[in-house]
Amino acid sequence: GEWLHLALQLHALMANLQHGVLTPEEFVLAGDTLVTTFGTWQWASPTSITKFVSYLPKSKQYLITKNVPSFIRASKFQLVTEDQILDDDTQTVWNLPSLRLLERNIREVNHCESGATAEESDCAKNIPSLEDFGDDGNSCKSPPSTCVNDSRSYDISITYDKFYRTPRIYFVGYDEFGGLLSFSQISQDVSSDHLNKTVTLEPHPHTGLTHLSIHPCKHAHTMKRMLELVHEQQLENLRKSGHSPDDIETAAADALRAAVPVHHYIFLFLKFINVIIPTIEYDFTTNFL
C-alpha cells in the first residue's frame, strides 16, 4: 500500500546516497526532467541499429545539446578540484563556483598559450589517456593552430554507463569557423588537474565518432559525496530553524527524500562535470533545487 510505496522510494534514494549511482530507469527519469527544464537538451537515438542498447527506450538512448558556447580557456580559471568539492564543508553544493574566473573580460582573451603537462592516470590502469590517441588518431581534427581563439562551440551528450551505473558525458568541439577541434585545442578547455587523468578520447557508444569523454570510474564516489552534502545542508537548515533534536531525527527521513530527488540527479552531475571542463557554458543548474 502507501507505506510500502513510501518505503521503496526512501530505499531507492538511500541507495543513491550510499553509492552515488542510477538505474537505467532512473537515468531516463532524470533525463526527462533535464529535457523538460532546459529545452536545449534533447533525447537522441543512434542512426545504426547496432548502436542501440536494450536497457533504455529506443527513443531515449542518450541526451544531447548542440552549439554550446565557450569563450575562454581553462588557464584563465582558478582551479576548484574534486577534493575541494568533497572537503569544503563551508560551501553549499548549489552555490559552489565551478571555477573562479581570474580574468572576467573574456573578449580580451585572444592570445597564444601553452598546453597542459601530461600526468599519469590516477584512475583505472586500462583507461587510455589523451596522449595515447594524439592528433593523428583523433577524428576531431582541424588544421593546427598556435593561438587560442576566444570563440568555440561544443556538442555535448550524456549516455548511461551500465558498468559504473552512472551517466557519462561526451564532448566534440568546433572552432569559430566550424572546423573540428584537435586534441591540443580541446585540452585547452580541460582543467589541468584532470587532463590525462580521467579525461580521455574515445568512440561515442551510440555514434562511433571520437569524442572527448570523462571516464566514469570516479563519478559514483563524487556524486555520493555531493548527495551527502545536500542532505547535510537540509539537516543544517532544520537545526538553524530551531527544531529540537527529536524533531530533527523525525524529519531526517523527509529531509533525505527531499535532498536530491532522483529526477534531479543529472543537475548535480552537471555541476560536478563543470569543474572538470569549466569553459563550456552549459551549466544552468545553480540553485535549481
C-alpha atoms as a PDB file:
ATOM      1  CA  GLY A   1       0.000   0.000   0.000  1.00  0.00           C
ATOM      2  CA  GLU A   2       1.001   3.613   0.589  1.00  0.00           C
ATOM      3  CA  TRP A   3       3.523   2.761   3.305  1.00  0.00           C
ATOM      4  CA  LEU A   4       5.245   0.179   1.096  1.00  0.00           C
ATOM      5  CA  HIS A   5       5.472   2.689  -1.758  1.00  0.00           C
ATOM      6  CA  LEU A   6       6.967   5.278   0.608  1.00  0.00           C
ATOM      7  CA  ALA A   7       9.465   2.752   1.957  1.00  0.00           C
ATOM      8  CA  LEU A   8      10.546   1.778  -1.557  1.00  0.00           C
ATOM      9  CA  GLN A   9      11.046   5.443  -2.504  1.00  0.00           C
ATOM     10  CA  LEU A  10      13.185   6.031   0.580  1.00  0.00           C
ATOM     11  CA  HIS A  11      15.176   2.865  -0.078  1.00  0.00           C
ATOM     12  CA  ALA A  12      15.903   3.972  -3.650  1.00  0.00           C
ATOM     13  CA  LEU A  13      17.168   7.363  -2.545  1.00  0.00           C
ATOM     14  CA  MET A  14      19.156   5.801   0.306  1.00  0.00           C
ATOM     15  CA  ALA A  15      20.839   3.583  -2.288  1.00  0.00           C
ATOM     16  CA  ASN A  16      21.774   6.636  -4.340  1.00  0.00           C
ATOM     17  CA  LEU A  17      23.210   8.365  -1.280  1.00  0.00           C
ATOM     18  CA  GLN A  18      25.165   5.255  -0.382  1.00  0.00           C
ATOM     19  CA  HIS A  19      26.569   4.545  -3.837  1.00  0.00           C
ATOM     20  CA  GLY A  20      26.013   7.649  -5.999  1.00  0.00           C
ATOM     21  CA  VAL A  21      24.550   5.555  -8.812  1.00  0.00           C
ATOM     22  CA  LEU A  22      21.440   5.400 -11.007  1.00  0.00           C
ATOM     23  CA  THR A  23      19.453   2.572 -12.550  1.00  0.00           C
ATOM     24  CA  PRO A  24      18.640   2.833 -16.287  1.00  0.00           C
ATOM     25  CA  GLU A  25      15.046   3.712 -15.353  1.00  0.00           C
ATOM     26  CA  GLU A  26      16.250   6.495 -13.057  1.00  0.00           C
ATOM     27  CA  PHE A  27      18.556   7.778 -15.803  1.00  0.00           C
ATOM     28  CA  VAL A  28      15.545   8.109 -18.106  1.00  0.00           C
ATOM     29  CA  LEU A  29      13.567   9.867 -15.374  1.00  0.00           C
ATOM     30  CA  ALA A  30      16.427  12.291 -14.715  1.00  0.00           C
ATOM     31  CA  GLY A  31      16.897  12.846 -18.450  1.00  0.00           C
ATOM     32  CA  ASP A  32      13.212  13.621 -18.928  1.00  0.00           C
ATOM     33  CA  THR A  33      13.479  16.294 -16.230  1.00  0.00           C
ATOM     34  CA  LEU A  34      16.568  17.806 -17.877  1.00  0.00           C
ATOM     35  CA  VAL A  35      14.840  17.952 -21.282  1.00  0.00           C
ATOM     36  CA  THR A  36      11.675  19.448 -19.789  1.00  0.00           C
ATOM     37  CA  THR A  37      13.555  22.044 -17.742  1.00  0.00           C
ATOM     38  CA  PHE A  38      16.123  23.111 -20.343  1.00  0.00           C
ATOM     39  CA  GLY A  39      14.845  22.998 -23.915  1.00  0.00           C
ATOM     40  CA  THR A  40      18.359  22.963 -25.368  1.00  0.00           C
ATOM     41  CA  TRP A  41      18.720  19.348 -24.226  1.00  0.00           C
ATOM     42  CA  GLN A  42      17.039  16.579 -26.251  1.00  0.00           C
ATOM     43  CA  TRP A  43      16.827  12.811 -26.269  1.00  0.00           C
ATOM     44  CA  ALA A  44      18.559  11.159 -29.223  1.00  0.00           C
ATOM     45  CA  SER A  45      18.785   7.739 -30.861  1.00  0.00           C
ATOM     46  CA  PRO A  46      21.608   6.087 -32.844  1.00  0.00           C
ATOM     47  CA  THR A  47      21.415   6.057 -36.632  1.00  0.00           C
ATOM     48  CA  SER A  48      22.733   2.478 -36.690  1.00  0.00           C
ATOM     49  CA  ILE A  49      20.702  -0.380 -35.234  1.00  0.00           C
ATOM     50  CA  THR A  50      23.915  -1.894 -33.849  1.00  0.00           C
ATOM     51  CA  LYS A  51      24.418   1.132 -31.572  1.00  0.00           C
ATOM     52  CA  PHE A  52      21.180   0.710 -29.606  1.00  0.00           C
ATOM     53  CA  VAL A  53      21.207  -0.645 -26.050  1.00  0.00           C
ATOM     54  CA  SER A  54      18.351  -2.845 -24.874  1.00  0.00           C
ATOM     55  CA  TYR A  55      18.081  -1.444 -21.344  1.00  0.00           C
ATOM     56  CA  LEU A  56      16.991   2.042 -22.498  1.00  0.00           C
ATOM     57  CA  PRO A  57      13.951   3.090 -24.581  1.00  0.00           C
ATOM     58  CA  LYS A  58      14.697   3.268 -28.302  1.00  0.00           C
ATOM     59  CA  SER A  59      13.804   6.966 -28.411  1.00  0.00           C
ATOM     60  CA  LYS A  60      15.840   7.791 -25.282  1.00  0.00           C
ATOM     61  CA  GLN A  61      19.263   6.264 -25.795  1.00  0.00           C
ATOM     62  CA  TYR A  62      21.259   9.367 -24.860  1.00  0.00           C
ATOM     63  CA  LEU A  63      20.916  13.099 -24.201  1.00  0.00           C
ATOM     64  CA  ILE A  64      22.423  15.800 -26.393  1.00  0.00           C
ATOM     65  CA  THR A  65      22.740  19.573 -26.591  1.00  0.00           C
ATOM     66  CA  LYS A  66      24.421  21.342 -29.517  1.00  0.00           C
ATOM     67  CA  ASN A  67      26.289  24.569 -30.243  1.00  0.00           C
ATOM     68  CA  VAL A  68      27.091  25.327 -26.604  1.00  0.00           C
ATOM     69  CA  PRO A  69      29.417  28.373 -26.464  1.00  0.00           C
ATOM     70  CA  SER A  70      32.912  28.519 -24.996  1.00  0.00           C
ATOM     71  CA  PHE A  71      34.597  31.919 -24.889  1.00  0.00           C
ATOM     72  CA  ILE A  72      37.558  31.471 -22.553  1.00  0.00           C
ATOM     73  CA  ARG A  73      40.235  28.832 -21.982  1.00  0.00           C
ATOM     74  CA  ALA A  74      40.781  26.851 -18.784  1.00  0.00           C
ATOM     75  CA  SER A  75      44.072  28.599 -17.970  1.00  0.00           C
ATOM     76  CA  LYS A  76      42.053  31.702 -17.094  1.00  0.00           C
ATOM     77  CA  PHE A  77      40.339  29.955 -14.203  1.00  0.00           C
ATOM     78  CA  GLN A  78      41.453  29.306 -10.650  1.00  0.00           C
ATOM     79  CA  LEU A  79      41.082  25.588 -10.100  1.00  0.00           C
ATOM     80  CA  VAL A  80      38.404  24.166  -7.842  1.00  0.00           C
ATOM     81  CA  THR A  81      39.236  20.469  -7.616  1.00  0.00           C
ATOM     82  CA  GLU A  82      37.044  17.473  -6.816  1.00  0.00           C
ATOM     83  CA  ASP A  83      38.758  17.216  -3.432  1.00  0.00           C
ATOM     84  CA  GLN A  84      37.737  20.789  -2.639  1.00  0.00           C
ATOM     85  CA  ILE A  85      34.144  19.936  -3.506  1.00  0.00           C
ATOM     86  CA  LEU A  86      34.251  16.976  -1.160  1.00  0.00           C
ATOM     87  CA  ASP A  87      36.181  18.587   1.704  1.00  0.00           C
ATOM     88  CA  ASP A  88      34.901  22.167   1.878  1.00  0.00           C
ATOM     89  CA  ASP A  89      32.104  21.972   4.432  1.00  0.00           C
ATOM     90  CA  THR A  90      31.582  25.749   4.305  1.00  0.00           C
ATOM     91  CA  GLN A  91      30.469  25.680   0.690  1.00  0.00           C
ATOM     92  CA  THR A  92      26.938  24.720  -0.285  1.00  0.00           C
ATOM     93  CA  VAL A  93      26.758  22.489  -3.336  1.00  0.00           C
ATOM     94  CA  TRP A  94      24.428  24.715  -5.331  1.00  0.00           C
ATOM     95  CA  ASN A  95      26.413  27.883  -4.606  1.00  0.00           C
ATOM     96  CA  LEU A  96      29.706  26.196  -5.423  1.00  0.00           C
ATOM     97  CA  PRO A  97      31.515  28.152  -8.150  1.00  0.00           C
ATOM     98  CA  SER A  98      32.508  25.716 -10.865  1.00  0.00           C
ATOM     99  CA  LEU A  99      35.805  27.516 -11.262  1.00  0.00           C
ATOM    100  CA  ARG A 100      36.688  31.059 -10.318  1.00  0.00           C
ATOM    101  CA  LEU A 101      37.496  33.390 -13.191  1.00  0.00           C
ATOM    102  CA  LEU A 102      40.796  35.201 -12.882  1.00  0.00           C
ATOM    103  CA  GLU A 103      40.023  37.381 -15.883  1.00  0.00           C
ATOM    104  CA  ARG A 104      36.405  38.389 -16.447  1.00  0.00           C
ATOM    105  CA  ASN A 105      36.821  40.352 -19.658  1.00  0.00           C
ATOM    106  CA  ILE A 106      36.561  37.353 -21.944  1.00  0.00           C
ATOM    107  CA  ARG A 107      36.655  39.450 -25.084  1.00  0.00           C
ATOM    108  CA  GLU A 108      40.268  40.381 -24.338  1.00  0.00           C
ATOM    109  CA  VAL A 109      41.400  36.770 -24.202  1.00  0.00           C
ATOM    110  CA  ASN A 110      42.804  36.037 -27.655  1.00  0.00           C
ATOM    111  CA  HIS A 111      46.468  35.208 -27.271  1.00  0.00           C
ATOM    112  CA  CYS A 112      48.795  32.207 -27.534  1.00  0.00           C
ATOM    113  CA  GLU A 113      49.006  29.789 -24.615  1.00  0.00           C
ATOM    114  CA  SER A 114      50.867  26.581 -23.901  1.00  0.00           C
ATOM    115  CA  GLY A 115      49.201  23.226 -23.333  1.00  0.00           C
ATOM    116  CA  ALA A 116      48.976  21.433 -20.006  1.00  0.00           C
ATOM    117  CA  THR A 117      51.603  18.901 -18.915  1.00  0.00           C
ATOM    118  CA  ALA A 118      50.596  15.256 -19.216  1.00  0.00           C
ATOM    119  CA  GLU A 119      50.315  13.274 -15.986  1.00  0.00           C
ATOM    120  CA  GLU A 120      49.849   9.600 -15.265  1.00  0.00           C
ATOM    121  CA  SER A 121      46.357   8.340 -14.740  1.00  0.00           C
ATOM    122  CA  ASP A 122      45.047   8.163 -11.192  1.00  0.00           C
ATOM    123  CA  CYS A 123      42.118   6.125 -12.412  1.00  0.00           C
ATOM    124  CA  ALA A 124      41.884   2.557 -13.666  1.00  0.00           C
ATOM    125  CA  LYS A 125      45.117   1.436 -15.359  1.00  0.00           C
ATOM    126  CA  ASN A 126      43.337   0.483 -18.560  1.00  0.00           C
ATOM    127  CA  ILE A 127      41.952   3.973 -19.198  1.00  0.00           C
ATOM    128  CA  PRO A 128      43.655   5.433 -22.295  1.00  0.00           C
ATOM    129  CA  SER A 129      44.971   8.942 -21.840  1.00  0.00           C
ATOM    130  CA  LEU A 130      44.652  11.761 -24.338  1.00  0.00           C
ATOM    131  CA  GLU A 131      48.295  11.287 -25.337  1.00  0.00           C
ATOM    132  CA  ASP A 132      47.579   7.675 -26.328  1.00  0.00           C
ATOM    133  CA  PHE A 133      45.484   8.995 -29.204  1.00  0.00           C
ATOM    134  CA  GLY A 134      47.327  12.103 -30.361  1.00  0.00           C
ATOM    135  CA  ASP A 135      46.144  14.378 -33.124  1.00  0.00           C
ATOM    136  CA  ASP A 136      46.683  11.794 -35.865  1.00  0.00           C
ATOM    137  CA  GLY A 137      44.287   9.307 -34.270  1.00  0.00           C
ATOM    138  CA  ASN A 138      41.614  11.828 -33.443  1.00  0.00           C
ATOM    139  CA  SER A 139      38.687  12.171 -35.806  1.00  0.00           C
ATOM    140  CA  CYS A 140      38.002  15.563 -34.211  1.00  0.00           C
ATOM    141  CA  LYS A 141      40.839  17.063 -36.195  1.00  0.00           C
ATOM    142  CA  SER A 142      41.192  20.524 -37.674  1.00  0.00           C
ATOM    143  CA  PRO A 143      44.224  22.404 -39.044  1.00  0.00           C
ATOM    144  CA  PRO A 144      46.726  23.050 -36.221  1.00  0.00           C
ATOM    145  CA  SER A 145      46.659  26.444 -34.591  1.00  0.00           C
ATOM    146  CA  THR A 146      49.268  28.088 -32.395  1.00  0.00           C
ATOM    147  CA  CYS A 147      46.829  30.506 -30.802  1.00  0.00           C
ATOM    148  CA  VAL A 148      43.715  30.206 -28.680  1.00  0.00           C
ATOM    149  CA  ASN A 149      40.598  31.634 -30.292  1.00  0.00           C
ATOM    150  CA  ASP A 150      38.078  33.258 -27.983  1.00  0.00           C
ATOM    151  CA  SER A 151      35.068  31.659 -29.658  1.00  0.00           C
ATOM    152  CA  ARG A 152      34.269  27.954 -29.778  1.00  0.00           C
ATOM    153  CA  SER A 153      31.217  25.742 -29.579  1.00  0.00           C
ATOM    154  CA  TYR A 154      30.610  22.209 -28.346  1.00  0.00           C
ATOM    155  CA  ASP A 155      28.104  19.436 -28.855  1.00  0.00           C
ATOM    156  CA  ILE A 156      27.630  17.640 -25.527  1.00  0.00           C
ATOM    157  CA  SER A 157      25.970  14.297 -24.950  1.00  0.00           C
ATOM    158  CA  ILE A 158      25.203  12.259 -21.836  1.00  0.00           C
ATOM    159  CA  THR A 159      25.000   8.472 -22.024  1.00  0.00           C
ATOM    160  CA  TYR A 160      24.308   5.826 -19.398  1.00  0.00           C
ATOM    161  CA  ASP A 161      27.281   3.657 -18.421  1.00  0.00           C
ATOM    162  CA  LYS A 162      25.833   0.313 -17.365  1.00  0.00           C
ATOM    163  CA  PHE A 163      29.063  -0.962 -15.789  1.00  0.00           C
ATOM    164  CA  TYR A 164      29.556   2.038 -13.476  1.00  0.00           C
ATOM    165  CA  ARG A 165      25.798   2.740 -13.227  1.00  0.00           C
ATOM    166  CA  THR A 166      26.298   6.476 -13.720  1.00  0.00           C
ATOM    167  CA  PRO A 167      25.836   8.983 -16.532  1.00  0.00           C
ATOM    168  CA  ARG A 168      28.843   9.530 -18.788  1.00  0.00           C
ATOM    169  CA  ILE A 169      29.465  12.729 -20.709  1.00  0.00           C
ATOM    170  CA  TYR A 170      30.976  13.206 -24.183  1.00  0.00           C
ATOM    171  CA  PHE A 171      32.140  16.390 -25.954  1.00  0.00           C
ATOM    172  CA  VAL A 172      33.008  17.310 -29.530  1.00  0.00           C
ATOM    173  CA  GLY A 173      34.227  20.843 -30.243  1.00  0.00           C
ATOM    174  CA  TYR A 174      34.288  23.282 -33.150  1.00  0.00           C
ATOM    175  CA  ASP A 175      36.371  26.381 -33.794  1.00  0.00           C
ATOM    176  CA  GLU A 176      34.929  29.763 -34.769  1.00  0.00           C
ATOM    177  CA  PHE A 177      34.808  28.656 -38.428  1.00  0.00           C
ATOM    178  CA  GLY A 178      33.001  25.377 -37.705  1.00  0.00           C
ATOM    179  CA  GLY A 179      36.081  23.164 -38.039  1.00  0.00           C
ATOM    180  CA  LEU A 180      36.519  20.224 -35.662  1.00  0.00           C
ATOM    181  CA  LEU A 181      38.913  20.922 -32.799  1.00  0.00           C
ATOM    182  CA  SER A 182      42.099  18.865 -32.451  1.00  0.00           C
ATOM    183  CA  PHE A 183      43.294  17.148 -29.271  1.00  0.00           C
ATOM    184  CA  SER A 184      45.581  20.046 -28.366  1.00  0.00           C
ATOM    185  CA  GLN A 185      42.779  22.570 -28.836  1.00  0.00           C
ATOM    186  CA  ILE A 186      40.242  20.592 -26.806  1.00  0.00           C
ATOM    187  CA  SER A 187      42.760  20.108 -23.996  1.00  0.00           C
ATOM    188  CA  GLN A 188      42.842  23.888 -23.519  1.00  0.00           C
ATOM    189  CA  ASP A 189      39.270  23.670 -22.206  1.00  0.00           C
ATOM    190  CA  VAL A 190      40.042  20.981 -19.606  1.00  0.00           C
ATOM    191  CA  SER A 191      41.247  21.843 -16.107  1.00  0.00           C
ATOM    192  CA  SER A 192      44.894  20.831 -15.743  1.00  0.00           C
ATOM    193  CA  ASP A 193      44.040  18.885 -12.595  1.00  0.00           C
ATOM    194  CA  HIS A 194      42.044  16.400 -14.694  1.00  0.00           C
ATOM    195  CA  LEU A 195      43.845  16.415 -18.044  1.00  0.00           C
ATOM    196  CA  ASN A 196      45.245  12.942 -18.791  1.00  0.00           C
ATOM    197  CA  LYS A 197      43.765  11.597 -15.545  1.00  0.00           C
ATOM    198  CA  THR A 198      40.054  10.942 -16.071  1.00  0.00           C
ATOM    199  CA  VAL A 199      39.682  12.783 -19.399  1.00  0.00           C
ATOM    200  CA  THR A 200      40.085  10.594 -22.483  1.00  0.00           C
ATOM    201  CA  LEU A 201      39.362  10.466 -26.206  1.00  0.00           C
ATOM    202  CA  GLU A 202      37.052   7.559 -27.051  1.00  0.00           C
ATOM    203  CA  PRO A 203      34.462   6.491 -29.635  1.00  0.00           C
ATOM    204  CA  HIS A 204      30.966   7.580 -28.686  1.00  0.00           C
ATOM    205  CA  PRO A 205      28.983   4.404 -27.867  1.00  0.00           C
ATOM    206  CA  HIS A 206      25.965   5.469 -29.940  1.00  0.00           C
ATOM    207  CA  THR A 207      27.629   7.221 -32.897  1.00  0.00           C
ATOM    208  CA  GLY A 208      31.098   5.696 -33.163  1.00  0.00           C
ATOM    209  CA  LEU A 209      32.672   9.143 -33.629  1.00  0.00           C
ATOM    210  CA  THR A 210      35.663  10.122 -31.493  1.00  0.00           C
ATOM    211  CA  HIS A 211      34.727  12.398 -28.593  1.00  0.00           C
ATOM    212  CA  LEU A 212      36.372  13.837 -25.535  1.00  0.00           C
ATOM    213  CA  SER A 213      34.952  11.944 -22.569  1.00  0.00           C
ATOM    214  CA  ILE A 214      35.291  11.890 -18.796  1.00  0.00           C
ATOM    215  CA  HIS A 215      35.842   8.352 -17.585  1.00  0.00           C
ATOM    216  CA  PRO A 216      33.157   7.421 -15.032  1.00  0.00           C
ATOM    217  CA  CYS A 217      35.386   5.473 -12.616  1.00  0.00           C
ATOM    218  CA  LYS A 218      35.179   8.318 -10.063  1.00  0.00           C
ATOM    219  CA  HIS A 219      31.669   9.528 -10.809  1.00  0.00           C
ATOM    220  CA  ALA A 220      29.832   7.436  -8.228  1.00  0.00           C
ATOM    221  CA  HIS A 221      32.223   8.387  -5.415  1.00  0.00           C
ATOM    222  CA  THR A 222      31.987  12.099  -6.164  1.00  0.00           C
ATOM    223  CA  MET A 223      28.231  12.019  -6.692  1.00  0.00           C
ATOM    224  CA  LYS A 224      27.807  10.114  -3.423  1.00  0.00           C
ATOM    225  CA  ARG A 225      29.644  12.847  -1.524  1.00  0.00           C
ATOM    226  CA  MET A 226      27.763  15.652  -3.277  1.00  0.00           C
ATOM    227  CA  LEU A 227      24.436  13.982  -2.489  1.00  0.00           C
ATOM    228  CA  GLU A 228      25.513  13.644   1.140  1.00  0.00           C
ATOM    229  CA  LEU A 229      26.430  17.335   1.253  1.00  0.00           C
ATOM    230  CA  VAL A 230      22.987  18.322   0.003  1.00  0.00           C
ATOM    231  CA  HIS A 231      21.393  16.114   2.657  1.00  0.00           C
ATOM    232  CA  GLU A 232      23.628  17.614   5.357  1.00  0.00           C
ATOM    233  CA  GLN A 233      22.593  21.086   4.232  1.00  0.00           C
ATOM    234  CA  GLN A 234      18.949  20.108   4.588  1.00  0.00           C
ATOM    235  CA  LEU A 235      19.533  18.910   8.161  1.00  0.00           C
ATOM    236  CA  GLU A 236      21.542  22.035   8.995  1.00  0.00           C
ATOM    237  CA  ASN A 237      18.621  24.149   7.819  1.00  0.00           C
ATOM    238  CA  LEU A 238      16.407  22.237  10.262  1.00  0.00           C
ATOM    239  CA  ARG A 239      18.839  22.905  13.098  1.00  0.00           C
ATOM    240  CA  LYS A 240      19.058  26.607  12.264  1.00  0.00           C
ATOM    241  CA  SER A 241      15.273  26.894  12.194  1.00  0.00           C
ATOM    242  CA  GLY A 242      15.116  25.932  15.877  1.00  0.00           C
ATOM    243  CA  HIS A 243      13.969  22.319  15.658  1.00  0.00           C
ATOM    244  CA  SER A 244      14.743  20.119  18.649  1.00  0.00           C
ATOM    245  CA  PRO A 245      16.977  17.033  18.266  1.00  0.00           C
ATOM    246  CA  ASP A 246      13.889  14.808  18.438  1.00  0.00           C
ATOM    247  CA  ASP A 247      12.200  16.828  15.708  1.00  0.00           C
ATOM    248  CA  ILE A 248      15.335  16.658  13.568  1.00  0.00           C
ATOM    249  CA  GLU A 249      15.539  12.889  13.939  1.00  0.00           C
ATOM    250  CA  THR A 250      11.880  12.568  12.993  1.00  0.00           C
ATOM    251  CA  ALA A 251      12.341  14.866   9.998  1.00  0.00           C
ATOM    252  CA  ALA A 252      15.613  13.275   8.836  1.00  0.00           C
ATOM    253  CA  ALA A 253      13.902  10.797   6.521  1.00  0.00           C
ATOM    254  CA  ASP A 254      11.812  13.568   4.968  1.00  0.00           C
ATOM    255  CA  ALA A 255      14.938  15.691   4.527  1.00  0.00           C
ATOM    256  CA  LEU A 256      16.694  12.751   2.908  1.00  0.00           C
ATOM    257  CA  ARG A 257      13.885  12.254   0.402  1.00  0.00           C
ATOM    258  CA  ALA A 258      13.761  15.983  -0.332  1.00  0.00           C
ATOM    259  CA  ALA A 259      17.528  16.493  -0.555  1.00  0.00           C
ATOM    260  CA  VAL A 260      18.008  15.460  -4.181  1.00  0.00           C
ATOM    261  CA  PRO A 261      15.102  13.635  -5.831  1.00  0.00           C
ATOM    262  CA  VAL A 262      16.250  11.001  -8.291  1.00  0.00           C
ATOM    263  CA  HIS A 263      14.994  13.039 -11.235  1.00  0.00           C
ATOM    264  CA  HIS A 264      17.336  15.916 -10.240  1.00  0.00           C
ATOM    265  CA  TYR A 265      20.452  13.725 -10.230  1.00  0.00           C
ATOM    266  CA  ILE A 266      21.706  14.958 -13.607  1.00  0.00           C
ATOM    267  CA  PHE A 267      21.588  18.596 -12.482  1.00  0.00           C
ATOM    268  CA  LEU A 268      24.033  17.759  -9.709  1.00  0.00           C
ATOM    269  CA  PHE A 269      26.057  15.655 -12.150  1.00  0.00           C
ATOM    270  CA  LEU A 270      26.464  18.667 -14.447  1.00  0.00           C
ATOM    271  CA  LYS A 271      27.740  20.748 -11.525  1.00  0.00           C
ATOM    272  CA  PHE A 272      30.448  18.131 -10.998  1.00  0.00           C
ATOM    273  CA  ILE A 273      31.365  17.923 -14.697  1.00  0.00           C
ATOM    274  CA  ASN A 274      31.588  21.715 -14.924  1.00  0.00           C
ATOM    275  CA  VAL A 275      34.558  21.578 -12.533  1.00  0.00           C
ATOM    276  CA  ILE A 276      36.464  19.326 -14.934  1.00  0.00           C
ATOM    277  CA  ILE A 277      35.625  21.249 -18.117  1.00  0.00           C
ATOM    278  CA  PRO A 278      34.855  24.768 -16.877  1.00  0.00           C
ATOM    279  CA  THR A 279      34.940  26.766 -20.095  1.00  0.00           C
ATOM    280  CA  ILE A 280      31.750  25.429 -21.692  1.00  0.00           C
ATOM    281  CA  GLU A 281      28.681  27.421 -20.676  1.00  0.00           C
ATOM    282  CA  TYR A 282      26.140  24.621 -20.322  1.00  0.00           C
ATOM    283  CA  ASP A 283      25.680  24.638 -16.529  1.00  0.00           C
ATOM    284  CA  PHE A 284      22.402  26.456 -15.870  1.00  0.00           C
ATOM    285  CA  THR A 285      21.613  24.473 -12.716  1.00  0.00           C
ATOM    286  CA  THR A 286      22.761  26.882  -9.969  1.00  0.00           C
ATOM    287  CA  ASN A 287      20.262  26.984  -7.099  1.00  0.00           C
ATOM    288  CA  PHE A 288      17.839  24.816  -9.078  1.00  0.00           C
ATOM    289  CA  LEU A 289      16.761  22.872  -6.009  1.00  0.00           C
END
